[in-house]
Amino acid sequence: FGALMAAGTPVRTLARALRAEAALPALVATIGAGALGTAVGVGLFGLVSASVPTFSPWLAAPVALGALVALLAASVCTPALKRVRAEPLADE
């Protein structure tokens, strides 16, 4: 990180890249796990119940809530990202 700063990369660009590296994988994993869990839950419900499961917006609620929590967790990490950005250049 320090080498990129020394090479002249703008700090704002590096901070944005660091946030993206932290937030995007967590967000993708959260949405994927929520969607897969919802699909498996509907499938298992279909095995137990004779009625056809109805699809409603409430099925998307766990996925949306998980994505919101992932974004909140990424925003909470901002102080840690600022500490990394403030590392001295001589350490590399």
PDB file of N, CA and C in Angstrom:
ATOM      1  N   PHE A   1       0.830  -1.191   0.000  1.00  0.00           N
ATOM      2  CA  PHE A   1       0.000   0.000   0.000  1.00  0.00           C
ATOM      3  C   PHE A   1       0.868   1.246   0.000  1.00  0.00           C
ATOM      4  N   GLY A   2       1.900   1.206   0.812  1.00  0.00           N
ATOM      5  CA  GLY A   2       2.809   2.345   0.883  1.00  0.00           C
ATOM      6  C   GLY A   2       3.563   2.563  -0.413  1.00  0.00           C
ATOM      7  N   ALA A   3       3.911   1.468  -1.097  1.00  0.00           N
ATOM      8  CA  ALA A   3       4.623   1.588  -2.365  1.00  0.00           C
ATOM      9  C   ALA A   3       3.748   2.253  -3.423  1.00  0.00           C
ATOM     10  N   LEU A   4       2.478   1.938  -3.419  1.00  0.00           N
ATOM     11  CA  LEU A   4       1.568   2.580  -4.373  1.00  0.00           C
ATOM     12  C   LEU A   4       1.420   4.065  -4.071  1.00  0.00           C
ATOM     13  N   MET A   5       1.404   4.410  -2.792  1.00  0.00           N
ATOM     14  CA  MET A   5       1.348   5.827  -2.423  1.00  0.00           C
ATOM     15  C   MET A   5       2.621   6.531  -2.868  1.00  0.00           C
ATOM     16  N   ALA A   6       3.769   5.869  -2.676  1.00  0.00           N
ATOM     17  CA  ALA A   6       5.039   6.463  -3.070  1.00  0.00           C
ATOM     18  C   ALA A   6       5.139   6.600  -4.583  1.00  0.00           C
ATOM     19  N   ALA A   7       4.474   5.710  -5.315  1.00  0.00           N
ATOM     20  CA  ALA A   7       4.500   5.775  -6.774  1.00  0.00           C
ATOM     21  C   ALA A   7       3.588   6.863  -7.316  1.00  0.00           C
ATOM     22  N   GLY A   8       2.771   7.467  -6.452  1.00  0.00           N
ATOM     23  CA  GLY A   8       1.946   8.576  -6.885  1.00  0.00           C
ATOM     24  C   GLY A   8       0.478   8.260  -7.072  1.00  0.00           C
ATOM     25  N   THR A   9       0.053   7.082  -6.669  1.00  0.00           N
ATOM     26  CA  THR A   9      -1.368   6.751  -6.767  1.00  0.00           C
ATOM     27  C   THR A   9      -2.130   7.611  -5.764  1.00  0.00           C
ATOM     28  N   PRO A  10      -3.206   8.249  -6.195  1.00  0.00           N
ATOM     29  CA  PRO A  10      -3.968   9.091  -5.266  1.00  0.00           C
ATOM     30  C   PRO A  10      -4.516   8.274  -4.092  1.00  0.00           C
ATOM     31  N   VAL A  11      -4.451   8.853  -2.918  1.00  0.00           N
ATOM     32  CA  VAL A  11      -4.900   8.170  -1.706  1.00  0.00           C
ATOM     33  C   VAL A  11      -6.392   7.868  -1.781  1.00  0.00           C
ATOM     34  N   ARG A  12      -7.155   8.749  -2.386  1.00  0.00           N
ATOM     35  CA  ARG A  12      -8.601   8.521  -2.523  1.00  0.00           C
ATOM     36  C   ARG A  12      -8.868   7.258  -3.356  1.00  0.00           C
ATOM     37  N   THR A  13      -8.091   7.055  -4.419  1.00  0.00           N
ATOM     38  CA  THR A  13      -8.251   5.855  -5.253  1.00  0.00           C
ATOM     39  C   THR A  13      -7.882   4.609  -4.466  1.00  0.00           C
ATOM     40  N   LEU A  14      -6.806   4.679  -3.706  1.00  0.00           N
ATOM     41  CA  LEU A  14      -6.392   3.527  -2.901  1.00  0.00           C
ATOM     42  C   LEU A  14      -7.420   3.214  -1.822  1.00  0.00           C
ATOM     43  N   ALA A  15      -7.979   4.235  -1.205  1.00  0.00           N
ATOM     44  CA  ALA A  15      -8.992   4.011  -0.168  1.00  0.00           C
ATOM     45  C   ALA A  15     -10.236   3.371  -0.766  1.00  0.00           C
ATOM     46  N   ARG A  16     -10.626   3.828  -1.949  1.00  0.00           N
ATOM     47  CA  ARG A  16     -11.797   3.244  -2.615  1.00  0.00           C
ATOM     48  C   ARG A  16     -11.535   1.777  -2.973  1.00  0.00           C
ATOM     49  N   ALA A  17     -10.328   1.484  -3.461  1.00  0.00           N
ATOM     50  CA  ALA A  17      -9.984   0.098  -3.801  1.00  0.00           C
ATOM     51  C   ALA A  17      -9.956  -0.774  -2.554  1.00  0.00           C
ATOM     52  N   LEU A  18      -9.455  -0.238  -1.456  1.00  0.00           N
ATOM     53  CA  LEU A  18      -9.398  -1.003  -0.212  1.00  0.00           C
ATOM     54  C   LEU A  18     -10.795  -1.309   0.312  1.00  0.00           C
ATOM     55  N   ARG A  19     -11.697  -0.333   0.224  1.00  0.00           N
ATOM     56  CA  ARG A  19     -13.084  -0.579   0.638  1.00  0.00           C
ATOM     57  C   ARG A  19     -13.750  -1.608  -0.262  1.00  0.00           C
ATOM     58  N   ALA A  20     -13.485  -1.522  -1.556  1.00  0.00           N
ATOM     59  CA  ALA A  20     -14.080  -2.489  -2.489  1.00  0.00           C
ATOM     60  C   ALA A  20     -13.560  -3.892  -2.218  1.00  0.00           C
ATOM     61  N   GLU A  21     -12.270  -4.014  -1.898  1.00  0.00           N
ATOM     62  CA  GLU A  21     -11.704  -5.329  -1.582  1.00  0.00           C
ATOM     63  C   GLU A  21     -12.322  -5.916  -0.324  1.00  0.00           C
ATOM     64  N   ALA A  22     -12.727  -5.081   0.590  1.00  0.00           N
ATOM     65  CA  ALA A  22     -13.324  -5.573   1.832  1.00  0.00           C
ATOM     66  C   ALA A  22     -14.813  -5.831   1.685  1.00  0.00           C
ATOM     67  N   ALA A  23     -15.510  -4.963   0.969  1.00  0.00           N
ATOM     68  CA  ALA A  23     -16.972  -5.030   0.943  1.00  0.00           C
ATOM     69  C   ALA A  23     -17.531  -5.956  -0.126  1.00  0.00           C
ATOM     70  N   LEU A  24     -16.980  -5.929  -1.320  1.00  0.00           N
ATOM     71  CA  LEU A  24     -17.587  -6.689  -2.415  1.00  0.00           C
ATOM     72  C   LEU A  24     -17.606  -8.197  -2.180  1.00  0.00           C
ATOM     73  N   PRO A  25     -16.513  -8.827  -1.763  1.00  0.00           N
ATOM     74  CA  PRO A  25     -16.602 -10.275  -1.524  1.00  0.00           C
ATOM     75  C   PRO A  25     -17.606 -10.635  -0.432  1.00  0.00           C
ATOM     76  N   ALA A  26     -17.658  -9.840   0.612  1.00  0.00           N
ATOM     77  CA  ALA A  26     -18.621 -10.119   1.683  1.00  0.00           C
ATOM     78  C   ALA A  26     -20.049  -9.942   1.198  1.00  0.00           C
ATOM     79  N   LEU A  27     -20.282  -8.927   0.393  1.00  0.00           N
ATOM     80  CA  LEU A  27     -21.625  -8.683  -0.126  1.00  0.00           C
ATOM     81  C   LEU A  27     -22.060  -9.795  -1.082  1.00  0.00           C
ATOM     82  N   VAL A  28     -21.169 -10.205  -1.964  1.00  0.00           N
ATOM     83  CA  VAL A  28     -21.496 -11.288  -2.905  1.00  0.00           C
ATOM     84  C   VAL A  28     -21.750 -12.591  -2.155  1.00  0.00           C
ATOM     85  N   ALA A  29     -20.911 -12.896  -1.176  1.00  0.00           N
ATOM     86  CA  ALA A  29     -21.105 -14.126  -0.399  1.00  0.00           C
ATOM     87  C   ALA A  29     -22.409 -14.087   0.390  1.00  0.00           C
ATOM     88  N   THR A  30     -22.740 -12.939   0.944  1.00  0.00           N
ATOM     89  CA  THR A  30     -23.977 -12.814   1.717  1.00  0.00           C
ATOM     90  C   THR A  30     -25.204 -12.992   0.839  1.00  0.00           C
ATOM     91  N   ILE A  31     -25.215 -12.327  -0.298  1.00  0.00           N
ATOM     92  CA  ILE A  31     -26.365 -12.441  -1.201  1.00  0.00           C
ATOM     93  C   ILE A  31     -26.473 -13.861  -1.744  1.00  0.00           C
ATOM     94  N   GLY A  32     -25.337 -14.456  -2.116  1.00  0.00           N
ATOM     95  CA  GLY A  32     -25.363 -15.831  -2.621  1.00  0.00           C
ATOM     96  C   GLY A  32     -25.842 -16.823  -1.581  1.00  0.00           C
ATOM     97  N   ALA A  33     -25.343 -16.687  -0.360  1.00  0.00           N
ATOM     98  CA  ALA A  33     -25.763 -17.601   0.705  1.00  0.00           C
ATOM     99  C   ALA A  33     -27.231 -17.411   1.052  1.00  0.00           C
ATOM    100  N   GLY A  34     -27.690 -16.177   1.067  1.00  0.00           N
ATOM    101  CA  GLY A  34     -29.101 -15.919   1.357  1.00  0.00           C
ATOM    102  C   GLY A  34     -30.017 -16.471   0.282  1.00  0.00           C
ATOM    103  N   ALA A  35     -29.647 -16.272  -0.977  1.00  0.00           N
ATOM    104  CA  ALA A  35     -30.467 -16.783  -2.080  1.00  0.00           C
ATOM    105  C   ALA A  35     -30.469 -18.308  -2.099  1.00  0.00           C
ATOM    106  N   LEU A  36     -29.301 -18.908  -1.889  1.00  0.00           N
ATOM    107  CA  LEU A  36     -29.229 -20.371  -1.868  1.00  0.00           C
ATOM    108  C   LEU A  36     -29.990 -20.937  -0.677  1.00  0.00           C
ATOM    109  N   GLY A  37     -29.883 -20.298   0.469  1.00  0.00           N
ATOM    110  CA  GLY A  37     -30.632 -20.747   1.642  1.00  0.00           C
ATOM    111  C   GLY A  37     -32.132 -20.647   1.438  1.00  0.00           C
ATOM    112  N   THR A  38     -32.563 -19.570   0.784  1.00  0.00           N
ATOM    113  CA  THR A  38     -33.989 -19.423   0.488  1.00  0.00           C
ATOM    114  C   THR A  38     -34.455 -20.508  -0.468  1.00  0.00           C
ATOM    115  N   ALA A  39     -33.663 -20.789  -1.501  1.00  0.00           N
ATOM    116  CA  ALA A  39     -34.028 -21.828  -2.467  1.00  0.00           C
ATOM    117  C   ALA A  39     -34.085 -23.206  -1.813  1.00  0.00           C
ATOM    118  N   VAL A  40     -33.115 -23.509  -0.962  1.00  0.00           N
ATOM    119  CA  VAL A  40     -33.115 -24.799  -0.267  1.00  0.00           C
ATOM    120  C   VAL A  40     -34.297 -24.881   0.689  1.00  0.00           C
ATOM    121  N   GLY A  41     -34.593 -23.797   1.383  1.00  0.00           N
ATOM    122  CA  GLY A  41     -35.739 -23.785   2.295  1.00  0.00           C
ATOM    123  C   GLY A  41     -37.051 -24.021   1.575  1.00  0.00           C
ATOM    124  N   VAL A  42     -37.222 -23.387   0.426  1.00  0.00           N
ATOM    125  CA  VAL A  42     -38.445 -23.594  -0.356  1.00  0.00           C
ATOM    126  C   VAL A  42     -38.505 -25.036  -0.849  1.00  0.00           C
ATOM    127  N   GLY A  43     -37.359 -25.578  -1.269  1.00  0.00           N
ATOM    128  CA  GLY A  43     -37.324 -26.974  -1.716  1.00  0.00           C
ATOM    129  C   GLY A  43     -37.652 -27.949  -0.603  1.00  0.00           C
ATOM    130  N   LEU A  44     -37.099 -27.727   0.574  1.00  0.00           N
ATOM    131  CA  LEU A  44     -37.396 -28.608   1.708  1.00  0.00           C
ATOM    132  C   LEU A  44     -38.848 -28.471   2.149  1.00  0.00           C
ATOM    133  N   PHE A  45     -39.383 -27.277   2.079  1.00  0.00           N
ATOM    134  CA  PHE A  45     -40.790 -27.084   2.411  1.00  0.00           C
ATOM    135  C   PHE A  45     -41.674 -27.850   1.428  1.00  0.00           C
ATOM    136  N   GLY A  46     -41.257 -27.902   0.179  1.00  0.00           N
ATOM    137  CA  GLY A  46     -42.003 -28.646  -0.829  1.00  0.00           C
ATOM    138  C   GLY A  46     -41.993 -30.139  -0.572  1.00  0.00           C
ATOM    139  N   LEU A  47     -40.939 -30.653   0.064  1.00  0.00           N
ATOM    140  CA  LEU A  47     -40.880 -32.079   0.395  1.00  0.00           C
ATOM    141  C   LEU A  47     -41.840 -32.437   1.521  1.00  0.00           C
ATOM    142  N   VAL A  48     -42.015 -31.536   2.466  1.00  0.00           N
ATOM    143  CA  VAL A  48     -42.828 -31.804   3.647  1.00  0.00           C
ATOM    144  C   VAL A  48     -44.304 -31.498   3.400  1.00  0.00           C
ATOM    145  N   SER A  49     -44.572 -30.459   2.666  1.00  0.00           N
ATOM    146  CA  SER A  49     -45.948 -30.007   2.466  1.00  0.00           C
ATOM    147  C   SER A  49     -46.460 -30.429   1.087  1.00  0.00           C
ATOM    148  N   ALA A  50     -47.733 -30.744   1.029  1.00  0.00           N
ATOM    149  CA  ALA A  50     -48.333 -31.125  -0.250  1.00  0.00           C
ATOM    150  C   ALA A  50     -48.688 -29.898  -1.077  1.00  0.00           C
ATOM    151  N   SER A  51     -48.833 -28.748  -0.436  1.00  0.00           N
ATOM    152  CA  SER A  51     -49.194 -27.541  -1.179  1.00  0.00           C
ATOM    153  C   SER A  51     -47.965 -26.947  -1.864  1.00  0.00           C
ATOM    154  N   VAL A  52     -48.222 -26.227  -2.925  1.00  0.00           N
ATOM    155  CA  VAL A  52     -47.150 -25.569  -3.663  1.00  0.00           C
ATOM    156  C   VAL A  52     -46.724 -24.322  -2.882  1.00  0.00           C
ATOM    157  N   PRO A  53     -45.413 -24.149  -2.646  1.00  0.00           N
ATOM    158  CA  PRO A  53     -44.982 -22.960  -1.905  1.00  0.00           C
ATOM    159  C   PRO A  53     -45.261 -21.690  -2.712  1.00  0.00           C
ATOM    160  N   THR A  54     -45.769 -20.699  -2.042  1.00  0.00           N
ATOM    161  CA  THR A  54     -46.049 -19.426  -2.708  1.00  0.00           C
ATOM    162  C   THR A  54     -44.833 -18.523  -2.589  1.00  0.00           C
ATOM    163  N   PHE A  55     -44.516 -17.882  -3.674  1.00  0.00           N
ATOM    164  CA  PHE A  55     -43.380 -16.972  -3.690  1.00  0.00           C
ATOM    165  C   PHE A  55     -43.885 -15.561  -3.415  1.00  0.00           C
ATOM    166  N   SER A  56     -43.302 -14.938  -2.430  1.00  0.00           N
ATOM    167  CA  SER A  56     -43.704 -13.586  -2.061  1.00  0.00           C
ATOM    168  C   SER A  56     -42.447 -12.751  -1.817  1.00  0.00           C
ATOM    169  N   PRO A  57     -42.613 -11.448  -1.719  1.00  0.00           N
ATOM    170  CA  PRO A  57     -41.453 -10.603  -1.425  1.00  0.00           C
ATOM    171  C   PRO A  57     -40.797 -10.930  -0.079  1.00  0.00           C
ATOM    172  N   TRP A  58     -41.529 -11.577   0.815  1.00  0.00           N
ATOM    173  CA  TRP A  58     -40.949 -11.929   2.113  1.00  0.00           C
ATOM    174  C   TRP A  58     -39.834 -12.949   1.974  1.00  0.00           C
ATOM    175  N   LEU A  59     -39.803 -13.699   0.875  1.00  0.00           N
ATOM    176  CA  LEU A  59     -38.697 -14.631   0.661  1.00  0.00           C
ATOM    177  C   LEU A  59     -37.383 -13.887   0.423  1.00  0.00           C
ATOM    178  N   ALA A  60     -37.471 -12.679  -0.097  1.00  0.00           N
ATOM    179  CA  ALA A  60     -36.272 -11.883  -0.341  1.00  0.00           C
ATOM    180  C   ALA A  60     -35.818 -11.120   0.900  1.00  0.00           C
ATOM    181  N   ALA A  61     -36.618 -11.103   1.940  1.00  0.00           N
ATOM    182  CA  ALA A  61     -36.276 -10.339   3.146  1.00  0.00           C
ATOM    183  C   ALA A  61     -34.968 -10.798   3.791  1.00  0.00           C
ATOM    184  N   PRO A  62     -34.712 -12.112   3.961  1.00  0.00           N
ATOM    185  CA  PRO A  62     -33.427 -12.502   4.554  1.00  0.00           C
ATOM    186  C   PRO A  62     -32.233 -12.101   3.695  1.00  0.00           C
ATOM    187  N   VAL A  63     -32.392 -12.176   2.377  1.00  0.00           N
ATOM    188  CA  VAL A  63     -31.299 -11.786   1.485  1.00  0.00           C
ATOM    189  C   VAL A  63     -31.043 -10.282   1.603  1.00  0.00           C
ATOM    190  N   ALA A  64     -32.096  -9.497   1.598  1.00  0.00           N
ATOM    191  CA  ALA A  64     -31.942  -8.044   1.713  1.00  0.00           C
ATOM    192  C   ALA A  64     -31.368  -7.655   3.073  1.00  0.00           C
ATOM    193  N   LEU A  65     -31.831  -8.305   4.124  1.00  0.00           N
ATOM    194  CA  LEU A  65     -31.310  -8.014   5.457  1.00  0.00           C
ATOM    195  C   LEU A  65     -29.835  -8.406   5.566  1.00  0.00           C
ATOM    196  N   GLY A  66     -29.472  -9.536   4.994  1.00  0.00           N
ATOM    197  CA  GLY A  66     -28.068  -9.953   4.997  1.00  0.00           C
ATOM    198  C   GLY A  66     -27.185  -8.985   4.234  1.00  0.00           C
ATOM    199  N   ALA A  67     -27.657  -8.499   3.094  1.00  0.00           N
ATOM    200  CA  ALA A  67     -26.889  -7.520   2.325  1.00  0.00           C
ATOM    201  C   ALA A  67     -26.729  -6.223   3.112  1.00  0.00           C
ATOM    202  N   LEU A  68     -27.773  -5.820   3.807  1.00  0.00           N
ATOM    203  CA  LEU A  68     -27.700  -4.615   4.633  1.00  0.00           C
ATOM    204  C   LEU A  68     -26.678  -4.785   5.758  1.00  0.00           C
ATOM    205  N   VAL A  69     -26.660  -5.948   6.380  1.00  0.00           N
ATOM    206  CA  VAL A  69     -25.691  -6.216   7.449  1.00  0.00           C
ATOM    207  C   VAL A  69     -24.272  -6.231   6.890  1.00  0.00           C
ATOM    208  N   ALA A  70     -24.081  -6.797   5.699  1.00  0.00           N
ATOM    209  CA  ALA A  70     -22.749  -6.815   5.086  1.00  0.00           C
ATOM    210  C   ALA A  70     -22.269  -5.398   4.784  1.00  0.00           C
ATOM    211  N   LEU A  71     -23.151  -4.557   4.273  1.00  0.00           N
ATOM    212  CA  LEU A  71     -22.773  -3.164   4.015  1.00  0.00           C
ATOM    213  C   LEU A  71     -22.474  -2.416   5.310  1.00  0.00           C
ATOM    214  N   LEU A  72     -23.241  -2.694   6.347  1.00  0.00           N
ATOM    215  CA  LEU A  72     -22.995  -2.072   7.645  1.00  0.00           C
ATOM    216  C   LEU A  72     -21.641  -2.513   8.204  1.00  0.00           C
ATOM    217  N   ALA A  73     -21.332  -3.791   8.078  1.00  0.00           N
ATOM    218  CA  ALA A  73     -20.041  -4.295   8.560  1.00  0.00           C
ATOM    219  C   ALA A  73     -18.888  -3.669   7.788  1.00  0.00           C
ATOM    220  N   ALA A  74     -19.060  -3.490   6.491  1.00  0.00           N
ATOM    221  CA  ALA A  74     -18.003  -2.857   5.697  1.00  0.00           C
ATOM    222  C   ALA A  74     -17.806  -1.402   6.099  1.00  0.00           C
ATOM    223  N   SER A  75     -18.887  -0.712   6.418  1.00  0.00           N
ATOM    224  CA  SER A  75     -18.746   0.687   6.825  1.00  0.00           C
ATOM    225  C   SER A  75     -18.123   0.811   8.213  1.00  0.00           C
ATOM    226  N   VAL A  76     -18.336  -0.178   9.060  1.00  0.00           N
ATOM    227  CA  VAL A  76     -17.730  -0.162  10.393  1.00  0.00           C
ATOM    228  C   VAL A  76     -16.217  -0.360  10.296  1.00  0.00           C
ATOM    229  N   CYS A  77     -15.759  -1.002   9.236  1.00  0.00           N
ATOM    230  CA  CYS A  77     -14.328  -1.271   9.061  1.00  0.00           C
ATOM    231  C   CYS A  77     -13.547  -0.039   8.623  1.00  0.00           C
ATOM    232  N   THR A  78     -14.196   1.077   8.418  1.00  0.00           N
ATOM    233  CA  THR A  78     -13.516   2.278   7.942  1.00  0.00           C
ATOM    234  C   THR A  78     -12.364   2.708   8.846  1.00  0.00           C
ATOM    235  N   PRO A  79     -12.490   2.690  10.184  1.00  0.00           N
ATOM    236  CA  PRO A  79     -11.334   3.073  11.014  1.00  0.00           C
ATOM    237  C   PRO A  79     -10.119   2.163  10.804  1.00  0.00           C
ATOM    238  N   ALA A  80     -10.357   0.875  10.632  1.00  0.00           N
ATOM    239  CA  ALA A  80      -9.237  -0.037  10.389  1.00  0.00           C
ATOM    240  C   ALA A  80      -8.586   0.259   9.045  1.00  0.00           C
ATOM    241  N   LEU A  81      -9.383   0.577   8.050  1.00  0.00           N
ATOM    242  CA  LEU A  81      -8.829   0.910   6.742  1.00  0.00           C
ATOM    243  C   LEU A  81      -8.035   2.209   6.805  1.00  0.00           C
ATOM    244  N   LYS A  82      -8.459   3.144   7.623  1.00  0.00           N
ATOM    245  CA  LYS A  82      -7.709   4.392   7.768  1.00  0.00           C
ATOM    246  C   LYS A  82      -6.371   4.148   8.454  1.00  0.00           C
ATOM    247  N   ARG A  83      -6.332   3.204   9.400  1.00  0.00           N
ATOM    248  CA  ARG A  83      -5.057   2.872  10.048  1.00  0.00           C
ATOM    249  C   ARG A  83      -4.094   2.257   9.046  1.00  0.00           C
ATOM    250  N   VAL A  84      -4.594   1.403   8.166  1.00  0.00           N
ATOM    251  CA  VAL A  84      -3.730   0.795   7.153  1.00  0.00           C
ATOM    252  C   VAL A  84      -3.207   1.866   6.212  1.00  0.00           C
ATOM    253  N   ARG A  85      -4.052   2.802   5.858  1.00  0.00           N
ATOM    254  CA  ARG A  85      -3.647   3.871   4.948  1.00  0.00           C
ATOM    255  C   ARG A  85      -2.590   4.761   5.591  1.00  0.00           C
ATOM    256  N   ALA A  86      -2.583   4.864   6.907  1.00  0.00           N
ATOM    257  CA  ALA A  86      -1.653   5.746   7.606  1.00  0.00           C
ATOM    258  C   ALA A  86      -0.315   5.081   7.923  1.00  0.00           C
ATOM    259  N   GLU A  87      -0.100   3.852   7.443  1.00  0.00           N
ATOM    260  CA  GLU A  87       1.174   3.178   7.718  1.00  0.00           C
ATOM    261  C   GLU A  87       2.325   3.968   7.103  1.00  0.00           C
ATOM    262  N   PRO A  88       3.468   3.994   7.788  1.00  0.00           N
ATOM    263  CA  PRO A  88       4.619   4.702   7.219  1.00  0.00           C
ATOM    264  C   PRO A  88       5.167   3.971   5.989  1.00  0.00           C
ATOM    265  N   LEU A  89       5.732   4.730   5.080  1.00  0.00           N
ATOM    266  CA  LEU A  89       6.249   4.146   3.842  1.00  0.00           C
ATOM    267  C   LEU A  89       7.500   3.315   4.074  1.00  0.00           C
ATOM    268  N   ALA A  90       8.238   3.560   5.144  1.00  0.00           N
ATOM    269  CA  ALA A  90       9.499   2.863   5.385  1.00  0.00           C
ATOM    270  C   ALA A  90       9.308   1.410   5.794  1.00  0.00           C
ATOM    271  N   ASP A  91       8.109   0.990   6.111  1.00  0.00           N
ATOM    272  CA  ASP A  91       7.889  -0.382   6.559  1.00  0.00           C
ATOM    273  C   ASP A  91       7.921  -1.398   5.428  1.00  0.00           C
ATOM    274  N   GLU A  92       7.875  -0.953   4.191  1.00  0.00           N
ATOM    275  CA  GLU A  92       7.808  -1.915   3.089  1.00  0.00           C
ATOM    276  C   GLU A  92       9.157  -2.197   2.507  1.00  0.00           C
TER     277      GLU A  92
END
